[in-house]
Structure formats: C-alpha cells, structure tokens
Amino acid sequence: MSETPQQRGPHGRLYGRSKGKALRKHQATLVAELLPRLSLDLSQPPAPFTRETHLEIGFGGGEHLIAAATENPELDFIGCEPFINGVVKLLARIKERGLTNIRLHQGDAVDVLDWLPADSLSRVYLFYPDPWPKRRHRKRRFIARDNLDRLARTMRAGAELRFATDIDDYAAWTLARVRAHPAFGWRAQRGDDWLAPWRGWTRTKYEAKAMAQGRNPVYLTFVREQR
C-alpha cells in the first residue's frame, strides 16, 4: 500500500487519506442510502452476538471481504475502511449480490475494537496494511502493543489473526511483536508455512500488482491463546 497524505483519526492514530476521486451519482446514492443501513452504530452498546463473527481491518477494495461473506452465509462479517472509494466499491458488490451478513465502519478500526464486547471475534484479517516504511513513521503501524491488547480482548480463545504483507520489514516487525505478546502464538510447523496463502484465498488487485513488481507476499497466522 503506497503512502498517502495523512489524516489524524480518533485516539491520535494517523492513517491514509479517506477520500479520493469524486463519487459518481450512483456511488453517492449508495453512500447516502445503503451505507447508513450497514454501518455500525458505535454510539450504542453492541447487541449480543448470535453468530460467529469475523473482522477485516482495512478491506481496501473489498475483494476478500465480499468473497468470504458470499462463501460463508452462516457467518457475520465486519469490515473497517477509512477510504470512502473502497467502501463504495464494496457497497456496490453487496447490493449486487444481495448480501445481508456484512456490517461496515467507514473509519478507524480502533474505534470498533474498543466498542466490541470481549471474546466476540472468531477471526481477524489484516491484509496489506500501510507499512509506513520511513523509520520515523513506523510507530503508526497498526501492529503495535496497544492494538494487540485490543485484539486480545475482543478475540475468543482459539481465534485466528491472519496477516499478509509484501514488505519484508513489516513481516519481521509483526512476527517480533505478536510473538512477544502473551496472548498470541504462532503455529507455523514448517519453514515455508508463511509463504503459502490460506485455503480459499482471494487475491486482491494490490497483491497481484506487488507480485508483478517482484515483491513476494508473506502470510502469517497467529492464534489467540487460552486465557
């Protein structure tokens, strides 16, 4: 993910721009009519979760999220993405497929993690987050102790945290910090476990571009340990 102009979000977190090209008329209609119906109301306490729930942090264009929700209608999904143009792409696909198992938050995933009940998530996806490659910006990376604490609170024992990146430095950064956290374990069994994507993996446009440019993705799976 390329670096973009920064915007200060809640809790002082910085993330990429939230707007790009001007929305076309039908896109603006989706934002005005469909997005409010699918958006989480973080001003109200969450209702009890009755089904297994997965969270995707920064879903980009929504390729993975739409495929996962389509293939698993018995599961509920929450998608967080600050970039409105990515949200609009996902809204169009949701409407086209008539999906009813996706809820959205157009904004910082940290707000959703603070709102969710403890032990509410069965899986979390974090694919190709902004690597903030400059050394002085690395404190802005999502994988940090405070966010790992948030994930540990909201993930059930045995829940998976799936992480993908094409940036070697961010892969090493993530391994070091997640393995150092007492709530998570890395279950790799072979030396090449981290080179193969998960079963049923949906390749995003960003991943295809990265591979075409000679950057090889890394796929890491961490497990929320028993409390």
C-alpha atoms as a PDB file:
ATOM      1  CA  MET A   1       0.000   0.000   0.000  1.00  0.00           C
ATOM      2  CA  SER A   2       1.547   3.301  -1.004  1.00  0.00           C
ATOM      3  CA  GLU A   3       1.905   6.141   1.440  1.00  0.00           C
ATOM      4  CA  THR A   4      -0.867   8.728   1.198  1.00  0.00           C
ATOM      5  CA  PRO A   5      -1.499  12.131   2.768  1.00  0.00           C
ATOM      6  CA  GLN A   6      -2.116  11.545   6.444  1.00  0.00           C
ATOM      7  CA  GLN A   7      -5.233  12.330   8.412  1.00  0.00           C
ATOM      8  CA  ARG A   8      -5.455  12.274  12.158  1.00  0.00           C
ATOM      9  CA  GLY A   9      -8.094   9.860  13.364  1.00  0.00           C
ATOM     10  CA  PRO A  10      -9.520   9.040  16.803  1.00  0.00           C
ATOM     11  CA  HIS A  11      -7.034   8.257  19.583  1.00  0.00           C
ATOM     12  CA  GLY A  12      -4.400  10.277  17.697  1.00  0.00           C
ATOM     13  CA  ARG A  13      -3.862   7.482  15.139  1.00  0.00           C
ATOM     14  CA  LEU A  14      -2.787   8.514  11.685  1.00  0.00           C
ATOM     15  CA  TYR A  15      -3.964   6.700   8.614  1.00  0.00           C
ATOM     16  CA  GLY A  16      -4.091   7.349   4.879  1.00  0.00           C
ATOM     17  CA  ARG A  17      -6.440   9.723   3.131  1.00  0.00           C
ATOM     18  CA  SER A  18     -10.138   8.984   3.433  1.00  0.00           C
ATOM     19  CA  LYS A  19     -11.221  10.431   0.074  1.00  0.00           C
ATOM     20  CA  GLY A  20     -10.004  10.073  -3.491  1.00  0.00           C
ATOM     21  CA  LYS A  21     -11.818  10.742  -6.766  1.00  0.00           C
ATOM     22  CA  ALA A  22     -15.183  12.452  -6.596  1.00  0.00           C
ATOM     23  CA  LEU A  23     -18.046   9.973  -6.357  1.00  0.00           C
ATOM     24  CA  ARG A  24     -20.330   9.437  -9.322  1.00  0.00           C
ATOM     25  CA  LYS A  25     -24.073   9.859  -8.869  1.00  0.00           C
ATOM     26  CA  HIS A  26     -24.861   6.173  -8.283  1.00  0.00           C
ATOM     27  CA  GLN A  27     -21.923   5.904  -5.885  1.00  0.00           C
ATOM     28  CA  ALA A  28     -23.134   8.888  -3.890  1.00  0.00           C
ATOM     29  CA  THR A  29     -26.564   7.227  -3.727  1.00  0.00           C
ATOM     30  CA  LEU A  30     -25.016   4.082  -2.254  1.00  0.00           C
ATOM     31  CA  VAL A  31     -23.255   6.173   0.392  1.00  0.00           C
ATOM     32  CA  ALA A  32     -26.417   8.102   1.212  1.00  0.00           C
ATOM     33  CA  GLU A  33     -28.832   5.167   1.265  1.00  0.00           C
ATOM     34  CA  LEU A  34     -27.053   1.828   1.762  1.00  0.00           C
ATOM     35  CA  LEU A  35     -24.087   2.771   3.938  1.00  0.00           C
ATOM     36  CA  PRO A  36     -26.228   4.064   6.842  1.00  0.00           C
ATOM     37  CA  ARG A  37     -28.179   0.787   6.894  1.00  0.00           C
ATOM     38  CA  LEU A  38     -24.990  -1.282   7.096  1.00  0.00           C
ATOM     39  CA  SER A  39     -22.931   0.955   9.384  1.00  0.00           C
ATOM     40  CA  LEU A  40     -22.311   0.018  12.989  1.00  0.00           C
ATOM     41  CA  ASP A  41     -23.740   2.472  15.497  1.00  0.00           C
ATOM     42  CA  LEU A  42     -20.809   2.930  17.828  1.00  0.00           C
ATOM     43  CA  SER A  43     -22.812   5.339  19.980  1.00  0.00           C
ATOM     44  CA  GLN A  44     -24.928   2.429  21.238  1.00  0.00           C
ATOM     45  CA  PRO A  45     -23.835  -0.708  23.122  1.00  0.00           C
ATOM     46  CA  PRO A  46     -23.451  -3.671  20.759  1.00  0.00           C
ATOM     47  CA  ALA A  47     -26.245  -6.208  20.674  1.00  0.00           C
ATOM     48  CA  PRO A  48     -25.319  -9.750  21.770  1.00  0.00           C
ATOM     49  CA  PHE A  49     -23.560 -11.666  19.016  1.00  0.00           C
ATOM     50  CA  THR A  50     -25.564 -14.723  17.991  1.00  0.00           C
ATOM     51  CA  ARG A  51     -23.317 -15.949  15.168  1.00  0.00           C
ATOM     52  CA  GLU A  52     -19.613 -16.420  14.567  1.00  0.00           C
ATOM     53  CA  THR A  53     -18.157 -13.044  13.594  1.00  0.00           C
ATOM     54  CA  HIS A  54     -15.058 -12.140  11.584  1.00  0.00           C
ATOM     55  CA  LEU A  55     -13.463  -8.679  11.361  1.00  0.00           C
ATOM     56  CA  GLU A  56     -11.436  -7.330   8.435  1.00  0.00           C
ATOM     57  CA  ILE A  57      -9.278  -4.301   9.204  1.00  0.00           C
ATOM     58  CA  GLY A  58      -8.702  -2.114   6.149  1.00  0.00           C
ATOM     59  CA  PHE A  59     -10.530  -4.089   3.456  1.00  0.00           C
ATOM     60  CA  GLY A  60      -9.316  -1.894   0.570  1.00  0.00           C
ATOM     61  CA  GLY A  61     -11.450  -2.640  -2.484  1.00  0.00           C
ATOM     62  CA  GLY A  62     -13.294  -5.374  -0.602  1.00  0.00           C
ATOM     63  CA  GLU A  63     -12.241  -8.333  -2.784  1.00  0.00           C
ATOM     64  CA  HIS A  64     -11.514 -10.630   0.132  1.00  0.00           C
ATOM     65  CA  LEU A  65     -14.414  -9.491   2.304  1.00  0.00           C
ATOM     66  CA  ILE A  66     -17.040  -9.905  -0.417  1.00  0.00           C
ATOM     67  CA  ALA A  67     -15.749 -13.373  -1.331  1.00  0.00           C
ATOM     68  CA  ALA A  68     -15.647 -14.529   2.299  1.00  0.00           C
ATOM     69  CA  ALA A  69     -19.169 -13.268   3.017  1.00  0.00           C
ATOM     70  CA  THR A  70     -20.524 -14.852  -0.157  1.00  0.00           C
ATOM     71  CA  GLU A  71     -18.936 -18.226   0.543  1.00  0.00           C
ATOM     72  CA  ASN A  72     -19.922 -18.252   4.233  1.00  0.00           C
ATOM     73  CA  PRO A  73     -23.523 -17.016   4.588  1.00  0.00           C
ATOM     74  CA  GLU A  74     -23.719 -18.611   8.041  1.00  0.00           C
ATOM     75  CA  LEU A  75     -21.072 -16.183   9.361  1.00  0.00           C
ATOM     76  CA  ASP A  76     -21.230 -12.461  10.106  1.00  0.00           C
ATOM     77  CA  PHE A  77     -18.527 -10.063   8.916  1.00  0.00           C
ATOM     78  CA  ILE A  78     -17.475  -6.586   9.980  1.00  0.00           C
ATOM     79  CA  GLY A  79     -15.362  -4.511   7.613  1.00  0.00           C
ATOM     80  CA  CYS A  80     -13.438  -1.357   8.557  1.00  0.00           C
ATOM     81  CA  GLU A  81     -12.017   1.009   5.954  1.00  0.00           C
ATOM     82  CA  PRO A  82     -11.409   4.791   6.167  1.00  0.00           C
ATOM     83  CA  PHE A  83     -11.082   5.253   2.387  1.00  0.00           C
ATOM     84  CA  ILE A  84     -14.562   6.102   1.053  1.00  0.00           C
ATOM     85  CA  ASN A  85     -13.812   4.984  -2.501  1.00  0.00           C
ATOM     86  CA  GLY A  86     -13.021   1.481  -1.239  1.00  0.00           C
ATOM     87  CA  VAL A  87     -16.210   1.499   0.817  1.00  0.00           C
ATOM     88  CA  VAL A  88     -18.231   2.436  -2.271  1.00  0.00           C
ATOM     89  CA  LYS A  89     -16.757  -0.468  -4.257  1.00  0.00           C
ATOM     90  CA  LEU A  90     -17.783  -2.856  -1.515  1.00  0.00           C
ATOM     91  CA  LEU A  91     -21.268  -1.350  -1.231  1.00  0.00           C
ATOM     92  CA  ALA A  92     -21.841  -1.924  -4.944  1.00  0.00           C
ATOM     93  CA  ARG A  93     -20.845  -5.587  -4.609  1.00  0.00           C
ATOM     94  CA  ILE A  94     -23.010  -6.066  -1.526  1.00  0.00           C
ATOM     95  CA  LYS A  95     -26.016  -4.659  -3.360  1.00  0.00           C
ATOM     96  CA  GLU A  96     -25.293  -6.699  -6.486  1.00  0.00           C
ATOM     97  CA  ARG A  97     -25.112  -9.961  -4.531  1.00  0.00           C
ATOM     98  CA  GLY A  98     -27.844  -9.157  -2.040  1.00  0.00           C
ATOM     99  CA  LEU A  99     -25.631  -9.960   0.937  1.00  0.00           C
ATOM    100  CA  THR A 100     -27.011  -9.476   4.434  1.00  0.00           C
ATOM    101  CA  ASN A 101     -24.078 -10.664   6.562  1.00  0.00           C
ATOM    102  CA  ILE A 102     -21.727  -7.657   6.313  1.00  0.00           C
ATOM    103  CA  ARG A 103     -21.670  -4.616   8.606  1.00  0.00           C
ATOM    104  CA  LEU A 104     -19.351  -1.691   7.977  1.00  0.00           C
ATOM    105  CA  HIS A 105     -17.429   1.079   9.676  1.00  0.00           C
ATOM    106  CA  GLN A 106     -16.025   3.833   7.489  1.00  0.00           C
ATOM    107  CA  GLY A 107     -13.227   4.930   9.771  1.00  0.00           C
ATOM    108  CA  ASP A 108     -10.593   3.719  12.199  1.00  0.00           C
ATOM    109  CA  ALA A 109     -10.769   0.050  13.183  1.00  0.00           C
ATOM    110  CA  VAL A 110      -9.514   1.004  16.646  1.00  0.00           C
ATOM    111  CA  ASP A 111     -12.931   2.524  17.370  1.00  0.00           C
ATOM    112  CA  VAL A 112     -14.635  -0.750  16.509  1.00  0.00           C
ATOM    113  CA  LEU A 113     -12.227  -2.797  18.612  1.00  0.00           C
ATOM    114  CA  ASP A 114     -12.895  -0.547  21.605  1.00  0.00           C
ATOM    115  CA  TRP A 115     -16.662  -0.905  21.039  1.00  0.00           C
ATOM    116  CA  LEU A 116     -16.841  -4.668  20.556  1.00  0.00           C
ATOM    117  CA  PRO A 117     -17.599  -6.964  23.503  1.00  0.00           C
ATOM    118  CA  ALA A 118     -14.829  -9.143  24.884  1.00  0.00           C
ATOM    119  CA  ASP A 119     -14.443 -12.573  23.271  1.00  0.00           C
ATOM    120  CA  SER A 120     -16.682 -11.607  20.348  1.00  0.00           C
ATOM    121  CA  LEU A 121     -14.468 -12.308  17.326  1.00  0.00           C
ATOM    122  CA  SER A 122     -13.624 -15.695  15.864  1.00  0.00           C
ATOM    123  CA  ARG A 123     -11.175 -14.389  13.257  1.00  0.00           C
ATOM    124  CA  VAL A 124      -9.452 -11.129  12.336  1.00  0.00           C
ATOM    125  CA  TYR A 125      -7.979 -10.275   8.940  1.00  0.00           C
ATOM    126  CA  LEU A 126      -5.267  -7.658   8.420  1.00  0.00           C
ATOM    127  CA  PHE A 127      -4.098  -7.775   4.813  1.00  0.00           C
ATOM    128  CA  TYR A 128      -1.513  -5.418   3.350  1.00  0.00           C
ATOM    129  CA  PRO A 129      -1.794  -2.626   5.924  1.00  0.00           C
ATOM    130  CA  ASP A 130       0.103   0.565   5.257  1.00  0.00           C
ATOM    131  CA  PRO A 131       3.731  -0.356   6.094  1.00  0.00           C
ATOM    132  CA  TRP A 132       4.772   3.215   6.919  1.00  0.00           C
ATOM    133  CA  PRO A 133       8.246   2.434   5.510  1.00  0.00           C
ATOM    134  CA  LYS A 134      10.047   5.522   6.811  1.00  0.00           C
ATOM    135  CA  ARG A 135      11.675   4.827  10.161  1.00  0.00           C
ATOM    136  CA  ARG A 136      10.187   7.908  11.803  1.00  0.00           C
ATOM    137  CA  HIS A 137       6.678   6.760  10.800  1.00  0.00           C
ATOM    138  CA  ARG A 138       6.860   3.152  11.995  1.00  0.00           C
ATOM    139  CA  LYS A 139       5.102   3.973  15.256  1.00  0.00           C
ATOM    140  CA  ARG A 140       1.990   4.434  13.098  1.00  0.00           C
ATOM    141  CA  ARG A 141       1.925   0.786  12.026  1.00  0.00           C
ATOM    142  CA  PHE A 142      -1.222  -0.990  13.121  1.00  0.00           C
ATOM    143  CA  ILE A 143       0.698  -3.877  14.669  1.00  0.00           C
ATOM    144  CA  ALA A 144       1.670  -2.339  17.993  1.00  0.00           C
ATOM    145  CA  ARG A 145       1.268  -3.349  21.628  1.00  0.00           C
ATOM    146  CA  ASP A 146      -1.848  -1.251  22.249  1.00  0.00           C
ATOM    147  CA  ASN A 147      -3.686  -2.672  19.251  1.00  0.00           C
ATOM    148  CA  LEU A 148      -2.581  -6.206  20.070  1.00  0.00           C
ATOM    149  CA  ASP A 149      -4.070  -5.657  23.539  1.00  0.00           C
ATOM    150  CA  ARG A 150      -7.321  -4.614  21.863  1.00  0.00           C
ATOM    151  CA  LEU A 151      -7.305  -7.686  19.658  1.00  0.00           C
ATOM    152  CA  ALA A 152      -6.544  -9.940  22.606  1.00  0.00           C
ATOM    153  CA  ARG A 153      -9.571  -8.580  24.451  1.00  0.00           C
ATOM    154  CA  THR A 154     -12.022  -8.992  21.584  1.00  0.00           C
ATOM    155  CA  MET A 155     -10.806 -12.339  20.166  1.00  0.00           C
ATOM    156  CA  ARG A 156     -12.032 -15.633  21.559  1.00  0.00           C
ATOM    157  CA  ALA A 157      -9.572 -18.295  22.652  1.00  0.00           C
ATOM    158  CA  GLY A 158      -8.530 -20.195  19.542  1.00  0.00           C
ATOM    159  CA  ALA A 159      -9.441 -17.313  17.203  1.00  0.00           C
ATOM    160  CA  GLU A 160      -7.044 -16.616  14.349  1.00  0.00           C
ATOM    161  CA  LEU A 161      -5.315 -13.373  13.414  1.00  0.00           C
ATOM    162  CA  ARG A 162      -4.408 -13.601   9.733  1.00  0.00           C
ATOM    163  CA  PHE A 163      -1.826 -11.109   8.466  1.00  0.00           C
ATOM    164  CA  ALA A 164      -0.434 -10.618   4.960  1.00  0.00           C
ATOM    165  CA  THR A 165       2.192  -8.192   3.685  1.00  0.00           C
ATOM    166  CA  ASP A 166       4.629  -7.856   0.795  1.00  0.00           C
ATOM    167  CA  ILE A 167       7.058  -5.776   2.855  1.00  0.00           C
ATOM    168  CA  ASP A 168       9.812  -7.920   4.436  1.00  0.00           C
ATOM    169  CA  ASP A 169      10.494  -5.397   7.185  1.00  0.00           C
ATOM    170  CA  TYR A 170       6.836  -5.303   8.220  1.00  0.00           C
ATOM    171  CA  ALA A 171       6.680  -9.102   8.280  1.00  0.00           C
ATOM    172  CA  ALA A 172       9.656  -9.222  10.656  1.00  0.00           C
ATOM    173  CA  TRP A 173       8.189  -6.357  12.711  1.00  0.00           C
ATOM    174  CA  THR A 174       4.880  -8.203  13.034  1.00  0.00           C
ATOM    175  CA  LEU A 175       6.444 -11.532  13.960  1.00  0.00           C
ATOM    176  CA  ALA A 176       8.550  -9.921  16.663  1.00  0.00           C
ATOM    177  CA  ARG A 177       5.682  -8.024  18.264  1.00  0.00           C
ATOM    178  CA  VAL A 178       2.927 -10.614  18.044  1.00  0.00           C
ATOM    179  CA  ARG A 179       5.176 -13.424  19.306  1.00  0.00           C
ATOM    180  CA  ALA A 180       6.242 -11.215  22.215  1.00  0.00           C
ATOM    181  CA  HIS A 181       2.616 -10.699  23.228  1.00  0.00           C
ATOM    182  CA  PRO A 182       1.485 -13.280  25.814  1.00  0.00           C
ATOM    183  CA  ALA A 183      -1.998 -13.623  24.279  1.00  0.00           C
ATOM    184  CA  PHE A 184      -0.848 -14.882  20.875  1.00  0.00           C
ATOM    185  CA  GLY A 185       1.014 -17.856  19.489  1.00  0.00           C
ATOM    186  CA  TRP A 186       2.474 -18.558  16.049  1.00  0.00           C
ATOM    187  CA  ARG A 187       1.558 -22.036  14.888  1.00  0.00           C
ATOM    188  CA  ALA A 188       3.883 -22.415  11.892  1.00  0.00           C
ATOM    189  CA  GLN A 189       5.109 -26.006  11.607  1.00  0.00           C
ATOM    190  CA  ARG A 190       7.357 -25.851   8.534  1.00  0.00           C
ATOM    191  CA  GLY A 191       9.857 -23.367   7.228  1.00  0.00           C
ATOM    192  CA  ASP A 192       7.652 -22.429   4.286  1.00  0.00           C
ATOM    193  CA  ASP A 193       4.312 -22.183   6.128  1.00  0.00           C
ATOM    194  CA  TRP A 194       4.376 -18.415   5.812  1.00  0.00           C
ATOM    195  CA  LEU A 195       4.831 -18.489   2.014  1.00  0.00           C
ATOM    196  CA  ALA A 196       1.501 -20.106   1.117  1.00  0.00           C
ATOM    197  CA  PRO A 197      -1.850 -18.290   1.382  1.00  0.00           C
ATOM    198  CA  TRP A 198      -4.812 -19.719   3.217  1.00  0.00           C
ATOM    199  CA  ARG A 199      -7.206 -22.181   1.643  1.00  0.00           C
ATOM    200  CA  GLY A 200      -9.752 -20.352  -0.492  1.00  0.00           C
ATOM    201  CA  TRP A 201      -7.564 -17.233  -0.631  1.00  0.00           C
ATOM    202  CA  THR A 202      -8.851 -14.369  -2.787  1.00  0.00           C
ATOM    203  CA  ARG A 203      -6.026 -12.477  -4.445  1.00  0.00           C
ATOM    204  CA  THR A 204      -6.525  -8.723  -4.369  1.00  0.00           C
ATOM    205  CA  LYS A 205      -5.521  -6.285  -7.090  1.00  0.00           C
ATOM    206  CA  TYR A 206      -2.892  -4.907  -4.755  1.00  0.00           C
ATOM    207  CA  GLU A 207      -1.328  -8.325  -4.213  1.00  0.00           C
ATOM    208  CA  ALA A 208      -1.246  -9.047  -7.949  1.00  0.00           C
ATOM    209  CA  LYS A 209       0.490  -5.707  -8.524  1.00  0.00           C
ATOM    210  CA  ALA A 210       3.027  -6.374  -5.768  1.00  0.00           C
ATOM    211  CA  MET A 211       3.885  -9.795  -7.190  1.00  0.00           C
ATOM    212  CA  ALA A 212       4.200  -8.360 -10.702  1.00  0.00           C
ATOM    213  CA  GLN A 213       6.754  -5.920  -9.277  1.00  0.00           C
ATOM    214  CA  GLY A 214       8.734  -8.786  -7.745  1.00  0.00           C
ATOM    215  CA  ARG A 215       7.581  -8.478  -4.119  1.00  0.00           C
ATOM    216  CA  ASN A 216       6.660 -11.825  -2.587  1.00  0.00           C
ATOM    217  CA  PRO A 217       3.806 -11.866  -0.058  1.00  0.00           C
ATOM    218  CA  VAL A 218       4.110 -13.299   3.429  1.00  0.00           C
ATOM    219  CA  TYR A 219       1.086 -14.938   5.087  1.00  0.00           C
ATOM    220  CA  LEU A 220       1.189 -15.209   8.881  1.00  0.00           C
ATOM    221  CA  THR A 221      -1.371 -16.900  11.125  1.00  0.00           C
ATOM    222  CA  PHE A 222      -1.436 -16.245  14.858  1.00  0.00           C
ATOM    223  CA  VAL A 223      -3.779 -17.872  17.370  1.00  0.00           C
ATOM    224  CA  ARG A 224      -5.383 -16.298  20.424  1.00  0.00           C
ATOM    225  CA  GLU A 225      -4.171 -18.471  23.277  1.00  0.00           C
ATOM    226  CA  GLN A 226      -6.354 -19.751  26.097  1.00  0.00           C
ATOM    227  CA  ARG A 227      -6.936 -17.162  28.775  1.00  0.00           C
END
